Amino acid sequence: MSRAFEEDLIRHCAATLAGHKCASLFSCRAPSQKWLKDNQDSANAALSGKGMRACLVRNCERGALVYVYRVGALEKKLAEPAVRAFLTGYGYEDFSIESALGTLARHMICGESFPHEIGVFLDYPLADVAAFIENEGRNCRCVGCWKAYSNIDEARRLFALYRKCRDVYMACYQRGFGVARLTVAA
């Protein structure tokens, strides 16, 4: 895995690597399709024994988006009745991981808009994802990893936890710990 890819993965996915959330997303500029595939394969080799995966959900001239997730946690999230009802309204029909991520990837085709239902896949509170869409991103009560509309104290607690996790993981990475060593097994 290239140093740049691994550093981005650790920086943007630390809370997921540590087991605090079901998934994270990061962008990278890939010099070639081969570079991107090789790095994704290397990441999956490092993550697979820990119950995690990395998959490409978008690749276009603006860059690649890599989605890193905990398999069991995402399966649980996609099994929640409220999550299923919400995603059904956005065209999701099959809630297996492969199918749901396939639908998400189709919604992420490089265009003008971004599929805001991705917040569900990033483990944001469903109420906040729905409120963000309804309010078109305005009128939130707190901003951190996402725009929070409800349960502000819990959102602030999570924002602080995710920041601390990122800082600790980046310090460990600078000391030579790689993604495999930093990933907590499911």
C-alpha atoms as a PDB file:
ATOM      1  CA  MET A   1       0.000   0.000   0.000  1.00  0.00           C
ATOM      2  CA  SER A   2       1.422   3.400  -0.894  1.00  0.00           C
ATOM      3  CA  ARG A   3       2.299   5.702   1.972  1.00  0.00           C
ATOM      4  CA  ALA A   4      -0.116   8.397   0.722  1.00  0.00           C
ATOM      5  CA  PHE A   5      -3.036   5.965   0.478  1.00  0.00           C
ATOM      6  CA  GLU A   6      -2.335   4.420   3.879  1.00  0.00           C
ATOM      7  CA  GLU A   7      -1.984   7.820   5.525  1.00  0.00           C
ATOM      8  CA  ASP A   8      -5.303   9.004   4.050  1.00  0.00           C
ATOM      9  CA  LEU A   9      -6.992   5.774   5.109  1.00  0.00           C
ATOM     10  CA  ILE A  10      -5.748   6.133   8.699  1.00  0.00           C
ATOM     11  CA  ARG A  11      -6.449   9.872   8.940  1.00  0.00           C
ATOM     12  CA  HIS A  12     -10.001   9.696   7.615  1.00  0.00           C
ATOM     13  CA  CYS A  13     -11.015   6.256   8.875  1.00  0.00           C
ATOM     14  CA  ALA A  14      -9.432   6.144  12.349  1.00  0.00           C
ATOM     15  CA  ALA A  15     -12.771   5.972  14.181  1.00  0.00           C
ATOM     16  CA  THR A  16     -13.840   3.070  11.985  1.00  0.00           C
ATOM     17  CA  LEU A  17     -10.487   1.299  12.336  1.00  0.00           C
ATOM     18  CA  ALA A  18     -10.853   1.663  16.114  1.00  0.00           C
ATOM     19  CA  GLY A  19     -14.384   0.227  16.057  1.00  0.00           C
ATOM     20  CA  HIS A  20     -16.229   3.410  17.048  1.00  0.00           C
ATOM     21  CA  LYS A  21     -18.303   3.651  13.862  1.00  0.00           C
ATOM     22  CA  CYS A  22     -19.373   1.266  11.136  1.00  0.00           C
ATOM     23  CA  ALA A  23     -17.789   3.085   8.194  1.00  0.00           C
ATOM     24  CA  SER A  24     -15.820   6.016   6.844  1.00  0.00           C
ATOM     25  CA  LEU A  25     -15.121   7.542   3.465  1.00  0.00           C
ATOM     26  CA  PHE A  26     -12.046   9.234   2.057  1.00  0.00           C
ATOM     27  CA  SER A  27     -11.023  10.706  -1.246  1.00  0.00           C
ATOM     28  CA  CYS A  28      -7.747  10.270  -3.054  1.00  0.00           C
ATOM     29  CA  ARG A  29      -6.190  11.244  -6.327  1.00  0.00           C
ATOM     30  CA  ALA A  30      -5.140   8.107  -8.131  1.00  0.00           C
ATOM     31  CA  PRO A  31      -2.326   8.492 -10.658  1.00  0.00           C
ATOM     32  CA  SER A  32      -3.663   5.402 -12.463  1.00  0.00           C
ATOM     33  CA  GLN A  33      -6.351   2.741 -12.257  1.00  0.00           C
ATOM     34  CA  LYS A  34      -3.651   0.187 -11.462  1.00  0.00           C
ATOM     35  CA  TRP A  35      -2.411   2.294  -8.527  1.00  0.00           C
ATOM     36  CA  LEU A  36      -5.936   2.546  -7.177  1.00  0.00           C
ATOM     37  CA  LYS A  37      -6.643  -1.186  -7.569  1.00  0.00           C
ATOM     38  CA  ASP A  38      -3.293  -2.175  -6.050  1.00  0.00           C
ATOM     39  CA  ASN A  39      -3.888   0.080  -3.044  1.00  0.00           C
ATOM     40  CA  GLN A  40      -7.453  -1.132  -2.578  1.00  0.00           C
ATOM     41  CA  ASP A  41      -6.238  -4.742  -2.752  1.00  0.00           C
ATOM     42  CA  SER A  42      -3.483  -4.007  -0.207  1.00  0.00           C
ATOM     43  CA  ALA A  43      -5.951  -2.306   2.112  1.00  0.00           C
ATOM     44  CA  ASN A  44      -8.314  -5.275   1.882  1.00  0.00           C
ATOM     45  CA  ALA A  45      -5.465  -7.677   2.617  1.00  0.00           C
ATOM     46  CA  ALA A  46      -4.676  -5.682   5.776  1.00  0.00           C
ATOM     47  CA  LEU A  47      -8.334  -5.309   6.825  1.00  0.00           C
ATOM     48  CA  SER A  48      -9.959  -8.619   5.890  1.00  0.00           C
ATOM     49  CA  GLY A  49      -8.797 -10.584   8.929  1.00  0.00           C
ATOM     50  CA  LYS A  50     -10.290  -7.847  11.101  1.00  0.00           C
ATOM     51  CA  GLY A  51     -13.803  -8.047   9.645  1.00  0.00           C
ATOM     52  CA  MET A  52     -13.386  -4.957   7.481  1.00  0.00           C
ATOM     53  CA  ARG A  53     -13.361  -4.077   3.787  1.00  0.00           C
ATOM     54  CA  ALA A  54     -12.485  -1.179   1.525  1.00  0.00           C
ATOM     55  CA  CYS A  55     -14.353  -0.582  -1.715  1.00  0.00           C
ATOM     56  CA  LEU A  56     -14.385   2.059  -4.373  1.00  0.00           C
ATOM     57  CA  VAL A  57     -17.721   3.874  -4.552  1.00  0.00           C
ATOM     58  CA  ARG A  58     -16.736   6.541  -7.063  1.00  0.00           C
ATOM     59  CA  ASN A  59     -13.885   7.231  -9.448  1.00  0.00           C
ATOM     60  CA  CYS A  60     -13.916  10.183 -11.801  1.00  0.00           C
ATOM     61  CA  GLU A  61     -11.854  13.211 -12.805  1.00  0.00           C
ATOM     62  CA  ARG A  62     -12.459  14.781  -9.370  1.00  0.00           C
ATOM     63  CA  GLY A  63     -10.888  11.783  -7.660  1.00  0.00           C
ATOM     64  CA  ALA A  64     -11.723   8.439  -6.157  1.00  0.00           C
ATOM     65  CA  LEU A  65     -13.905   7.871  -3.094  1.00  0.00           C
ATOM     66  CA  VAL A  66     -12.972   4.859  -1.001  1.00  0.00           C
ATOM     67  CA  TYR A  67     -15.501   3.502   1.490  1.00  0.00           C
ATOM     68  CA  VAL A  68     -14.050   1.571   4.439  1.00  0.00           C
ATOM     69  CA  TYR A  69     -16.481  -0.418   6.558  1.00  0.00           C
ATOM     70  CA  ARG A  70     -16.913  -3.001   9.297  1.00  0.00           C
ATOM     71  CA  VAL A  71     -18.852  -5.827   7.679  1.00  0.00           C
ATOM     72  CA  GLY A  72     -20.847  -6.909  10.741  1.00  0.00           C
ATOM     73  CA  ALA A  73     -21.671  -3.369  11.836  1.00  0.00           C
ATOM     74  CA  LEU A  74     -22.847  -2.374   8.352  1.00  0.00           C
ATOM     75  CA  GLU A  75     -24.986  -5.513   8.085  1.00  0.00           C
ATOM     76  CA  LYS A  76     -26.605  -4.573  11.402  1.00  0.00           C
ATOM     77  CA  LYS A  77     -27.161  -0.983  10.263  1.00  0.00           C
ATOM     78  CA  LEU A  78     -28.769  -2.115   6.999  1.00  0.00           C
ATOM     79  CA  ALA A  79     -31.046  -4.501   8.920  1.00  0.00           C
ATOM     80  CA  GLU A  80     -32.607  -1.718  11.020  1.00  0.00           C
ATOM     81  CA  PRO A  81     -36.255  -1.249   9.977  1.00  0.00           C
ATOM     82  CA  ALA A  82     -36.054   2.575  10.120  1.00  0.00           C
ATOM     83  CA  VAL A  83     -32.905   2.583   7.973  1.00  0.00           C
ATOM     84  CA  ARG A  84     -34.522   0.246   5.439  1.00  0.00           C
ATOM     85  CA  ALA A  85     -37.651   2.393   5.267  1.00  0.00           C
ATOM     86  CA  PHE A  86     -35.555   5.525   4.768  1.00  0.00           C
ATOM     87  CA  LEU A  87     -33.314   4.014   2.079  1.00  0.00           C
ATOM     88  CA  THR A  88     -36.293   2.505   0.252  1.00  0.00           C
ATOM     89  CA  GLY A  89     -37.385   6.079  -0.420  1.00  0.00           C
ATOM     90  CA  TYR A  90     -34.086   6.599  -2.259  1.00  0.00           C
ATOM     91  CA  GLY A  91     -34.397   3.558  -4.507  1.00  0.00           C
ATOM     92  CA  TYR A  92     -32.711   0.882  -2.385  1.00  0.00           C
ATOM     93  CA  GLU A  93     -34.437  -2.476  -2.752  1.00  0.00           C
ATOM     94  CA  ASP A  94     -31.954  -5.114  -1.596  1.00  0.00           C
ATOM     95  CA  PHE A  95     -30.211  -4.535   1.713  1.00  0.00           C
ATOM     96  CA  SER A  96     -27.336  -6.959   1.380  1.00  0.00           C
ATOM     97  CA  ILE A  97     -24.066  -5.065   1.666  1.00  0.00           C
ATOM     98  CA  GLU A  98     -23.093  -5.701  -1.954  1.00  0.00           C
ATOM     99  CA  SER A  99     -26.418  -4.561  -3.346  1.00  0.00           C
ATOM    100  CA  ALA A 100     -26.772  -1.526  -1.069  1.00  0.00           C
ATOM    101  CA  LEU A 101     -23.232  -0.366  -1.845  1.00  0.00           C
ATOM    102  CA  GLY A 102     -23.897  -0.957  -5.547  1.00  0.00           C
ATOM    103  CA  THR A 103     -26.938   1.313  -5.362  1.00  0.00           C
ATOM    104  CA  LEU A 104     -24.950   3.905  -3.417  1.00  0.00           C
ATOM    105  CA  ALA A 105     -22.160   3.776  -6.020  1.00  0.00           C
ATOM    106  CA  ARG A 106     -24.705   4.306  -8.831  1.00  0.00           C
ATOM    107  CA  HIS A 107     -26.060   7.334  -6.942  1.00  0.00           C
ATOM    108  CA  MET A 108     -22.508   8.693  -6.615  1.00  0.00           C
ATOM    109  CA  ILE A 109     -21.816   8.970 -10.319  1.00  0.00           C
ATOM    110  CA  CYS A 110     -19.949  12.222 -10.832  1.00  0.00           C
ATOM    111  CA  GLY A 111     -22.647  14.779 -11.234  1.00  0.00           C
ATOM    112  CA  GLU A 112     -23.776  18.003  -9.697  1.00  0.00           C
ATOM    113  CA  SER A 113     -25.518  16.562  -6.653  1.00  0.00           C
ATOM    114  CA  PHE A 114     -24.311  14.197  -3.975  1.00  0.00           C
ATOM    115  CA  PRO A 115     -26.463  11.395  -2.521  1.00  0.00           C
ATOM    116  CA  HIS A 116     -26.988  12.633   1.016  1.00  0.00           C
ATOM    117  CA  GLU A 117     -28.354   9.291   2.121  1.00  0.00           C
ATOM    118  CA  ILE A 118     -24.670   8.359   2.377  1.00  0.00           C
ATOM    119  CA  GLY A 119     -24.873   9.658   5.949  1.00  0.00           C
ATOM    120  CA  VAL A 120     -26.657   6.426   6.863  1.00  0.00           C
ATOM    121  CA  PHE A 121     -23.713   4.438   5.441  1.00  0.00           C
ATOM    122  CA  LEU A 122     -21.301   6.603   7.479  1.00  0.00           C
ATOM    123  CA  ASP A 123     -23.108   5.818  10.742  1.00  0.00           C
ATOM    124  CA  TYR A 124     -24.549   9.301  11.214  1.00  0.00           C
ATOM    125  CA  PRO A 125     -27.794   9.381  13.216  1.00  0.00           C
ATOM    126  CA  LEU A 126     -30.739   8.730  10.918  1.00  0.00           C
ATOM    127  CA  ALA A 127     -32.637  11.717  12.353  1.00  0.00           C
ATOM    128  CA  ASP A 128     -29.733  14.005  11.404  1.00  0.00           C
ATOM    129  CA  VAL A 129     -29.447  12.563   7.885  1.00  0.00           C
ATOM    130  CA  ALA A 130     -33.178  13.065   7.307  1.00  0.00           C
ATOM    131  CA  ALA A 131     -33.094  16.590   8.803  1.00  0.00           C
ATOM    132  CA  PHE A 132     -30.074  17.538   6.671  1.00  0.00           C
ATOM    133  CA  ILE A 133     -31.926  16.488   3.519  1.00  0.00           C
ATOM    134  CA  GLU A 134     -35.165  18.165   4.595  1.00  0.00           C
ATOM    135  CA  ASN A 135     -33.410  21.421   5.546  1.00  0.00           C
ATOM    136  CA  GLU A 136     -31.052  21.304   2.539  1.00  0.00           C
ATOM    137  CA  GLY A 137     -28.096  21.509   4.924  1.00  0.00           C
ATOM    138  CA  ARG A 138     -29.357  24.627   6.724  1.00  0.00           C
ATOM    139  CA  ASN A 139     -30.560  25.221  10.291  1.00  0.00           C
ATOM    140  CA  CYS A 140     -28.345  22.644  11.999  1.00  0.00           C
ATOM    141  CA  ARG A 141     -27.626  23.053  15.695  1.00  0.00           C
ATOM    142  CA  CYS A 142     -24.035  21.773  15.689  1.00  0.00           C
ATOM    143  CA  VAL A 143     -21.371  20.985  13.076  1.00  0.00           C
ATOM    144  CA  GLY A 144     -18.617  18.397  13.297  1.00  0.00           C
ATOM    145  CA  CYS A 145     -18.224  15.246  11.210  1.00  0.00           C
ATOM    146  CA  TRP A 146     -21.811  15.855  10.126  1.00  0.00           C
ATOM    147  CA  LYS A 147     -24.434  18.538  10.643  1.00  0.00           C
ATOM    148  CA  ALA A 148     -26.352  17.635  13.791  1.00  0.00           C
ATOM    149  CA  TYR A 149     -29.992  18.558  14.262  1.00  0.00           C
ATOM    150  CA  SER A 150     -30.877  16.337  17.214  1.00  0.00           C
ATOM    151  CA  ASN A 151     -29.174  14.949  20.329  1.00  0.00           C
ATOM    152  CA  ILE A 152     -26.526  17.667  20.276  1.00  0.00           C
ATOM    153  CA  ASP A 153     -24.720  16.507  23.418  1.00  0.00           C
ATOM    154  CA  GLU A 154     -24.210  13.041  21.941  1.00  0.00           C
ATOM    155  CA  ALA A 155     -23.099  14.534  18.618  1.00  0.00           C
ATOM    156  CA  ARG A 156     -20.494  16.702  20.361  1.00  0.00           C
ATOM    157  CA  ARG A 157     -19.284  13.699  22.371  1.00  0.00           C
ATOM    158  CA  LEU A 158     -18.849  11.684  19.179  1.00  0.00           C
ATOM    159  CA  PHE A 159     -17.129  14.557  17.346  1.00  0.00           C
ATOM    160  CA  ALA A 160     -14.592  14.792  20.187  1.00  0.00           C
ATOM    161  CA  LEU A 161     -14.111  11.010  20.266  1.00  0.00           C
ATOM    162  CA  TYR A 162     -13.534  10.858  16.494  1.00  0.00           C
ATOM    163  CA  ARG A 163     -11.055  13.787  16.621  1.00  0.00           C
ATOM    164  CA  LYS A 164      -9.121  12.203  19.479  1.00  0.00           C
ATOM    165  CA  CYS A 165      -9.096   8.861  17.697  1.00  0.00           C
ATOM    166  CA  ARG A 166      -7.741  10.498  14.528  1.00  0.00           C
ATOM    167  CA  ASP A 167      -5.043  12.342  16.487  1.00  0.00           C
ATOM    168  CA  VAL A 168      -3.935   9.216  18.375  1.00  0.00           C
ATOM    169  CA  TYR A 169      -3.942   7.078  15.232  1.00  0.00           C
ATOM    170  CA  MET A 170      -1.969   9.637  13.244  1.00  0.00           C
ATOM    171  CA  ALA A 171       0.609   9.875  16.044  1.00  0.00           C
ATOM    172  CA  CYS A 172       0.915   6.074  16.016  1.00  0.00           C
ATOM    173  CA  TYR A 173       1.206   6.091  12.226  1.00  0.00           C
ATOM    174  CA  GLN A 174       4.031   8.645  12.438  1.00  0.00           C
ATOM    175  CA  ARG A 175       5.795   6.240  14.821  1.00  0.00           C
ATOM    176  CA  GLY A 176       5.601   3.463  12.221  1.00  0.00           C
ATOM    177  CA  PHE A 177       2.337   1.651  12.999  1.00  0.00           C
ATOM    178  CA  GLY A 178       0.579   0.576   9.805  1.00  0.00           C
ATOM    179  CA  VAL A 179      -3.102   0.140   9.092  1.00  0.00           C
ATOM    180  CA  ALA A 180      -3.067  -3.587   9.908  1.00  0.00           C
ATOM    181  CA  ARG A 181      -1.650  -2.963  13.357  1.00  0.00           C
ATOM    182  CA  LEU A 182      -4.000  -0.028  14.051  1.00  0.00           C
ATOM    183  CA  THR A 183      -7.177  -1.884  13.108  1.00  0.00           C
ATOM    184  CA  VAL A 184      -9.189  -3.363  15.968  1.00  0.00           C
ATOM    185  CA  ALA A 185     -10.666  -6.749  15.084  1.00  0.00           C
ATOM    186  CA  ALA A 186     -14.451  -7.046  14.991  1.00  0.00           C
END
